[in-house]
Structure formats: C-alpha cells, structure tokens
C-alpha cells in the first residue's frame, strides 16, 4: 500500500486540505462548497478558539505521490471533562473512491487517539454540534444545505468496513408550507396568546438582532446542556460572537423568532432561505462577485432551512413551539416559500419528530454518526 500520510504544518498544506473536497466532488451536482473565508478561520488555531481546549491533528493522504484524501482528528477536552468521557472525534474525512486511503486515514487518527488515552472515537463530527455532523446515508438525490455533510454513497460503506457502527442517526424532514395555517395550530396559538404571558419578537433589520445575540446563544447553551444534546459543548462569550459573525451575514431577520417572558428570552428559532445554489455558482468565494450570486439565490429560493431552536426547559409543553411555528409559517408564506428543511433531528427526539409528522413532514434525508471502541 503506497500511501504516505502528512500532517498539516504549513500554509501550503492547509490550502491543500481546504480545497481538496472541491476536486473530489468536481461534477457532483448536489455537493455544495463551503464558504472558503469561513474555512480559513475554522481550521486556523489562531482564529478558532476551539483549538485552545482541544487536541487536534489535520492529515493529508498521498498515494503514488498524488493527493488523495484528508481527515481531522479532534479531542474536545472541554466536552470530555464535562461528560467524564475519553472520546475522540474524526471529521472532515474526504477521499477519492479508495478504501485503502479511507482505512489509512482512520487508522492514523485512531492510533493518535489511543496514544492520547482515548477509549472511543466517533465521527464524522467537528468541535461542536454547530459543525457538520454525520455522513449522509439517505437522500443523495437532494442538494446539500448549509452546515451539513454531502458525501458519496460509498463513503459510509468504507467506514463501516473499518469496524465502525452506528452511534446516532439524524432525520431531516421536508415540510410543505401550507396555504392556510392548520386549525389545530391556530387553536393552540390563540389559547397561548389569550394567556398573555409570552411575547413573540420579530425582526426586520439585522441591526435589531445584535442586542439579542448573546442572550439567545446563552439560552441555547442552557437548553442544550441541560437536555444533554448529543455532542454539544457549551460556548463561551467569544465563541458566541464568533458564531454570530459567521452566520449574521446570511441571516434574514424575518425568519428569526424570539419568545420573551418579561424581558427574558425563553425560546427561539432561526431559519435562513436556502442559498446553496448561489454558493455553488460562487464556488464558495464571496468576492469579487460571489456574494451577489448568494444573495440572488436567497431571494429566489422556495425553500426555508431551519438552523437552530430551543425552548427553556420549564416552559416546554406550554405552546411556545406553536407560537413560533405559526409566526414562522406566516413569514414563509409571505416570502413565497414552498418547503421547509428542518435540519437535523435526533432519531431519539420523538416529541419533535412527532410534531414534524403531525404537520405532514416527510423524512427526506438521514445522517449517521459512527463510533468505534479503541
């Protein structure tokens, strides 16, 4: 097996690491490139604070002196300390169709993780659950959305052949935007409104969002930590601002709903118009004209992608999901949206999945995170 593995140690190595997927997926109509400006920040230890509390390695694989693959190994020490685990992660695994390269890259990360005292490895997974997670296992006929993996069908098979088994599955639902809000939703909405305990905040300008960024992400921290969301690591203030800087340029204020009780945010949901067709046309570059393609795609799309949402634990079951849902559907109707992509829903999250199915949602994609004992 003529495979050489090289750790990323230079700017030139990192450039190869970042741009390799575009070569692997050339002509792959449903693959969407990342925004490369964000990639350079994400993989840079000087700009991504997650490196400061994680052990990492980034590796390139060469076969017969040709670049054939890449992988990243991550040990999130903050998460392991919080959960009392010894778990490593592999992520950003990309190769041409070559099982030997996949095996070599995974074996390298496994050996590195064992040397660090880890007893288990999961993946694909990044530093946090805001990063792409899970290989696509169903729904290959559909284009990727922002912040999700899109891999070839053979990749999960190659990974399974290396001894990896299912750790967690995510479902993605497609919901049709109804012409009329369903009656059962309207009844719940009106009942909650009559009680007058909660106020739904809506936005029309990005500058109005800024005062709410830290309160909303703090709420996300609290909800996701208390709910033991799979793989979630709490963010500090700097990471909140970094996350906001990443997504604020693409957020569309009408698709952000915030529920207040008094002056305290207790629930939120964030969606964005699907702009992936524009990202494809821009080839992942914002400049000189890429951002225009992305903005145009966001205005023309008929699909709304949900990104994040949470409800404070003590206010669950009080209809806040319906309050936000009715408002979101109204905004989607006004914008001419026809479908909603729900983003990842844990297979075990039966309550949310039941709500999606009650609204007529159909599973149209599945993602899987794998695990292996070391």
Foldseek 3Di string as FASTA:
>chain_A
DQKDKDWDDDPVSLVCLQCVVCVQCPVVVQEFHAQVVVVVQCPDVVRNVQVVQKDKIKMWMDGPNHTFWIKMKIDRNLVCVVVVALEIEIAPTDGHPDLVRVLVRVVVNVVVSVVVVHFKYKDDDDSFPQAETFEWQFQLVHHDFPRYDRDDNCVVVSVVVNVKDFDFKWFKWKFFLDPDDDPVLVVLLVVLVVVVQKDKDADQDLVVCVVCQVLVLVLVLQFCVVVVPPRHRRDDPVVSVVVCVVCSVQFGRRQKIFMDGPNHTFKIWGKGQGQRVLSVVLVSYPPDPSVVSSVVSRLPGQEIETRDIGGHPVCPPSSPVSNSVVSNSVSSVVSNHTMYIDPTDIPPPVVVVVVCVVSVIDGNIMGTMIMDTD
